[in-house]
Amino acid sequence: MKRFVMLAALLAAACQPMPADDGKTDLAQAAPVVAQTSAAQTPANDAAACAAKGGKMLPQGRMQSLQCVVSYTDAGQRCTDGADCQGDCRVEDVTNAPSAGAAAVGQCQATSSRFGCYTTVEDGKAEATICVD
């Protein structure tokens, strides 16, 4: 029984959280962390800046967070490099996408959205296919 009590005491002591600074400072004297939000980070300012670029605040990704999405005027044009486009040069059809390193021709992406599955084309060659959630 005495072993069980000692084992329980050791396990309880092992579960105590460690201070973030490895105990080198007195936590009672540490300055509190205060979250600061500047006026430039407010959603209203983000929407205004987005609209100024010709974009729209749209829910994006799995988390459906609002992000500025800008439509590109060269959408769908044939390309072999990102320098040919306002955005990326992509192969959107990942089921028929060329393998990484193979010669490829893509199309300029339609919007600035980074989400979805696609293969980027750089210097006339396919990059690895990625899916961004």
C-alpha atoms as a PDB file:
ATOM      1  CA  MET A   1       0.000   0.000   0.000  1.00  0.00           C
ATOM      2  CA  LYS A   2       2.872   2.338   0.832  1.00  0.00           C
ATOM      3  CA  ARG A   3       4.343   1.786  -2.660  1.00  0.00           C
ATOM      4  CA  PHE A   4       1.019   2.653  -4.256  1.00  0.00           C
ATOM      5  CA  VAL A   5       0.820   5.967  -2.351  1.00  0.00           C
ATOM      6  CA  MET A   6       4.389   6.858  -3.291  1.00  0.00           C
ATOM      7  CA  LEU A   7       3.755   5.940  -6.941  1.00  0.00           C
ATOM      8  CA  ALA A   8       0.585   8.047  -6.993  1.00  0.00           C
ATOM      9  CA  ALA A   9       2.463  11.011  -5.488  1.00  0.00           C
ATOM     10  CA  LEU A  10       5.242  10.713  -8.082  1.00  0.00           C
ATOM     11  CA  LEU A  11       2.751  10.505 -10.944  1.00  0.00           C
ATOM     12  CA  ALA A  12       0.865  13.536  -9.652  1.00  0.00           C
ATOM     13  CA  ALA A  13       4.096  15.531  -9.391  1.00  0.00           C
ATOM     14  CA  ALA A  14       5.066  14.539 -12.936  1.00  0.00           C
ATOM     15  CA  CYS A  15       1.780  15.958 -14.264  1.00  0.00           C
ATOM     16  CA  GLN A  16       2.469  19.502 -13.029  1.00  0.00           C
ATOM     17  CA  PRO A  17       2.923  21.984 -15.897  1.00  0.00           C
ATOM     18  CA  MET A  18       6.375  23.420 -16.471  1.00  0.00           C
ATOM     19  CA  PRO A  19       6.758  27.217 -16.587  1.00  0.00           C
ATOM     20  CA  ALA A  20       7.155  28.586 -20.107  1.00  0.00           C
ATOM     21  CA  ASP A  21      10.587  30.002 -19.253  1.00  0.00           C
ATOM     22  CA  ASP A  22      11.952  26.813 -17.613  1.00  0.00           C
ATOM     23  CA  GLY A  23      11.650  28.412 -14.175  1.00  0.00           C
ATOM     24  CA  LYS A  24      14.320  31.073 -14.788  1.00  0.00           C
ATOM     25  CA  THR A  25      12.014  33.993 -13.953  1.00  0.00           C
ATOM     26  CA  ASP A  26       9.501  34.607 -11.228  1.00  0.00           C
ATOM     27  CA  LEU A  27       6.174  34.214 -13.027  1.00  0.00           C
ATOM     28  CA  ALA A  28       4.460  36.549 -10.555  1.00  0.00           C
ATOM     29  CA  GLN A  29       6.698  39.381 -11.781  1.00  0.00           C
ATOM     30  CA  ALA A  30       6.385  38.575 -15.482  1.00  0.00           C
ATOM     31  CA  ALA A  31       4.541  41.139 -17.576  1.00  0.00           C
ATOM     32  CA  PRO A  32       1.143  39.970 -18.823  1.00  0.00           C
ATOM     33  CA  VAL A  33       0.790  39.340 -22.530  1.00  0.00           C
ATOM     34  CA  VAL A  34      -1.744  41.656 -24.105  1.00  0.00           C
ATOM     35  CA  ALA A  35      -3.154  40.994 -27.555  1.00  0.00           C
ATOM     36  CA  GLN A  36      -2.889  44.060 -29.712  1.00  0.00           C
ATOM     37  CA  THR A  37      -5.002  44.678 -32.770  1.00  0.00           C
ATOM     38  CA  SER A  38      -4.124  47.570 -34.987  1.00  0.00           C
ATOM     39  CA  ALA A  39      -6.732  49.442 -36.975  1.00  0.00           C
ATOM     40  CA  ALA A  40      -5.224  47.973 -40.154  1.00  0.00           C
ATOM     41  CA  GLN A  41      -6.198  44.463 -39.046  1.00  0.00           C
ATOM     42  CA  THR A  42      -9.924  45.062 -38.596  1.00  0.00           C
ATOM     43  CA  PRO A  43     -12.330  43.267 -40.946  1.00  0.00           C
ATOM     44  CA  ALA A  44     -13.791  46.560 -42.213  1.00  0.00           C
ATOM     45  CA  ASN A  45     -10.337  47.763 -43.294  1.00  0.00           C
ATOM     46  CA  ASP A  46      -9.572  44.376 -44.873  1.00  0.00           C
ATOM     47  CA  ALA A  47     -12.800  44.574 -46.892  1.00  0.00           C
ATOM     48  CA  ALA A  48     -12.043  48.143 -48.000  1.00  0.00           C
ATOM     49  CA  ALA A  49      -8.482  47.214 -49.046  1.00  0.00           C
ATOM     50  CA  CYS A  50      -9.833  44.151 -50.855  1.00  0.00           C
ATOM     51  CA  ALA A  51     -12.446  46.196 -52.718  1.00  0.00           C
ATOM     52  CA  ALA A  52      -9.751  48.721 -53.681  1.00  0.00           C
ATOM     53  CA  LYS A  53      -7.870  45.845 -55.392  1.00  0.00           C
ATOM     54  CA  GLY A  54     -11.061  44.772 -57.186  1.00  0.00           C
ATOM     55  CA  GLY A  55     -11.568  41.737 -54.972  1.00  0.00           C
ATOM     56  CA  LYS A  56     -14.333  40.310 -52.833  1.00  0.00           C
ATOM     57  CA  MET A  57     -14.174  38.955 -49.291  1.00  0.00           C
ATOM     58  CA  LEU A  58     -15.222  35.313 -49.658  1.00  0.00           C
ATOM     59  CA  PRO A  59     -15.203  32.296 -47.307  1.00  0.00           C
ATOM     60  CA  GLN A  60     -12.188  30.158 -48.195  1.00  0.00           C
ATOM     61  CA  GLY A  61     -10.811  26.778 -47.170  1.00  0.00           C
ATOM     62  CA  ARG A  62     -12.079  24.280 -44.647  1.00  0.00           C
ATOM     63  CA  MET A  63     -12.308  26.911 -41.949  1.00  0.00           C
ATOM     64  CA  GLN A  64     -14.334  29.144 -44.286  1.00  0.00           C
ATOM     65  CA  SER A  65     -12.369  32.192 -43.144  1.00  0.00           C
ATOM     66  CA  LEU A  66     -13.043  35.387 -45.053  1.00  0.00           C
ATOM     67  CA  GLN A  67     -10.217  36.191 -47.449  1.00  0.00           C
ATOM     68  CA  CYS A  68      -9.810  38.632 -50.289  1.00  0.00           C
ATOM     69  CA  VAL A  69     -10.252  36.898 -53.656  1.00  0.00           C
ATOM     70  CA  VAL A  70      -9.321  38.840 -56.788  1.00  0.00           C
ATOM     71  CA  SER A  71     -10.404  37.714 -60.276  1.00  0.00           C
ATOM     72  CA  TYR A  72      -7.674  37.778 -62.917  1.00  0.00           C
ATOM     73  CA  THR A  73      -8.279  39.194 -66.388  1.00  0.00           C
ATOM     74  CA  ASP A  74      -5.998  36.636 -68.067  1.00  0.00           C
ATOM     75  CA  ALA A  75      -7.900  33.663 -66.622  1.00  0.00           C
ATOM     76  CA  GLY A  76      -7.826  30.596 -68.869  1.00  0.00           C
ATOM     77  CA  GLN A  77      -5.022  31.788 -71.160  1.00  0.00           C
ATOM     78  CA  ARG A  78      -2.479  29.190 -72.209  1.00  0.00           C
ATOM     79  CA  CYS A  79       0.813  29.415 -70.271  1.00  0.00           C
ATOM     80  CA  THR A  80       4.053  27.586 -69.557  1.00  0.00           C
ATOM     81  CA  ASP A  81       5.221  29.643 -66.567  1.00  0.00           C
ATOM     82  CA  GLY A  82       3.792  31.755 -63.741  1.00  0.00           C
ATOM     83  CA  ALA A  83       5.456  34.802 -65.311  1.00  0.00           C
ATOM     84  CA  ASP A  84       2.947  34.429 -68.187  1.00  0.00           C
ATOM     85  CA  CYS A  85       0.041  35.093 -65.795  1.00  0.00           C
ATOM     86  CA  GLN A  86      -1.220  37.527 -63.197  1.00  0.00           C
ATOM     87  CA  GLY A  87      -1.440  34.542 -60.830  1.00  0.00           C
ATOM     88  CA  ASP A  88      -0.101  31.006 -61.240  1.00  0.00           C
ATOM     89  CA  CYS A  89       0.120  28.902 -64.370  1.00  0.00           C
ATOM     90  CA  ARG A  90      -1.824  25.769 -63.443  1.00  0.00           C
ATOM     91  CA  VAL A  91      -3.215  22.475 -64.626  1.00  0.00           C
ATOM     92  CA  GLU A  92      -6.524  22.306 -62.745  1.00  0.00           C
ATOM     93  CA  ASP A  93      -7.533  18.800 -63.901  1.00  0.00           C
ATOM     94  CA  VAL A  94      -5.473  16.771 -61.440  1.00  0.00           C
ATOM     95  CA  THR A  95      -6.840  13.440 -62.692  1.00  0.00           C
ATOM     96  CA  ASN A  96      -5.044  14.013 -66.013  1.00  0.00           C
ATOM     97  CA  ALA A  97      -2.188  16.145 -64.687  1.00  0.00           C
ATOM     98  CA  PRO A  98       1.328  15.461 -65.932  1.00  0.00           C
ATOM     99  CA  SER A  99       3.777  13.992 -63.456  1.00  0.00           C
ATOM    100  CA  ALA A 100       6.235  16.304 -61.700  1.00  0.00           C
ATOM    101  CA  GLY A 101       9.084  17.293 -64.015  1.00  0.00           C
ATOM    102  CA  ALA A 102       7.231  16.408 -67.224  1.00  0.00           C
ATOM    103  CA  ALA A 103       6.735  18.981 -69.976  1.00  0.00           C
ATOM    104  CA  ALA A 104       3.441  20.761 -69.417  1.00  0.00           C
ATOM    105  CA  VAL A 105       1.197  23.540 -70.647  1.00  0.00           C
ATOM    106  CA  GLY A 106      -1.291  25.075 -68.253  1.00  0.00           C
ATOM    107  CA  GLN A 107      -3.835  27.857 -68.014  1.00  0.00           C
ATOM    108  CA  CYS A 108      -3.660  31.067 -66.018  1.00  0.00           C
ATOM    109  CA  GLN A 109      -5.626  30.679 -62.805  1.00  0.00           C
ATOM    110  CA  ALA A 110      -8.992  32.431 -62.612  1.00  0.00           C
ATOM    111  CA  THR A 111      -8.706  33.969 -59.133  1.00  0.00           C
ATOM    112  CA  SER A 112      -6.190  34.575 -56.364  1.00  0.00           C
ATOM    113  CA  SER A 113      -7.680  31.737 -54.285  1.00  0.00           C
ATOM    114  CA  ARG A 114      -4.985  29.294 -53.134  1.00  0.00           C
ATOM    115  CA  PHE A 115      -7.471  26.549 -52.271  1.00  0.00           C
ATOM    116  CA  GLY A 116      -8.226  23.371 -54.199  1.00  0.00           C
ATOM    117  CA  CYS A 117      -6.147  20.766 -56.014  1.00  0.00           C
ATOM    118  CA  TYR A 118      -3.890  21.785 -58.877  1.00  0.00           C
ATOM    119  CA  THR A 119      -0.521  21.308 -60.555  1.00  0.00           C
ATOM    120  CA  THR A 120       1.598  24.427 -61.000  1.00  0.00           C
ATOM    121  CA  VAL A 121       3.599  24.803 -64.230  1.00  0.00           C
ATOM    122  CA  GLU A 122       6.995  26.565 -64.102  1.00  0.00           C
ATOM    123  CA  ASP A 123       9.545  26.809 -66.934  1.00  0.00           C
ATOM    124  CA  GLY A 124       7.356  24.524 -69.076  1.00  0.00           C
ATOM    125  CA  LYS A 125       7.481  21.719 -66.512  1.00  0.00           C
ATOM    126  CA  ALA A 126       4.863  20.434 -64.093  1.00  0.00           C
ATOM    127  CA  GLU A 127       5.473  20.820 -60.382  1.00  0.00           C
ATOM    128  CA  ALA A 128       4.067  18.336 -57.877  1.00  0.00           C
ATOM    129  CA  THR A 129       0.273  18.305 -57.611  1.00  0.00           C
ATOM    130  CA  ILE A 130      -0.955  19.817 -54.353  1.00  0.00           C
ATOM    131  CA  CYS A 131      -4.282  20.112 -52.572  1.00  0.00           C
ATOM    132  CA  VAL A 132      -4.789  23.080 -50.266  1.00  0.00           C
ATOM    133  CA  ASP A 133      -7.629  22.923 -47.774  1.00  0.00           C
END
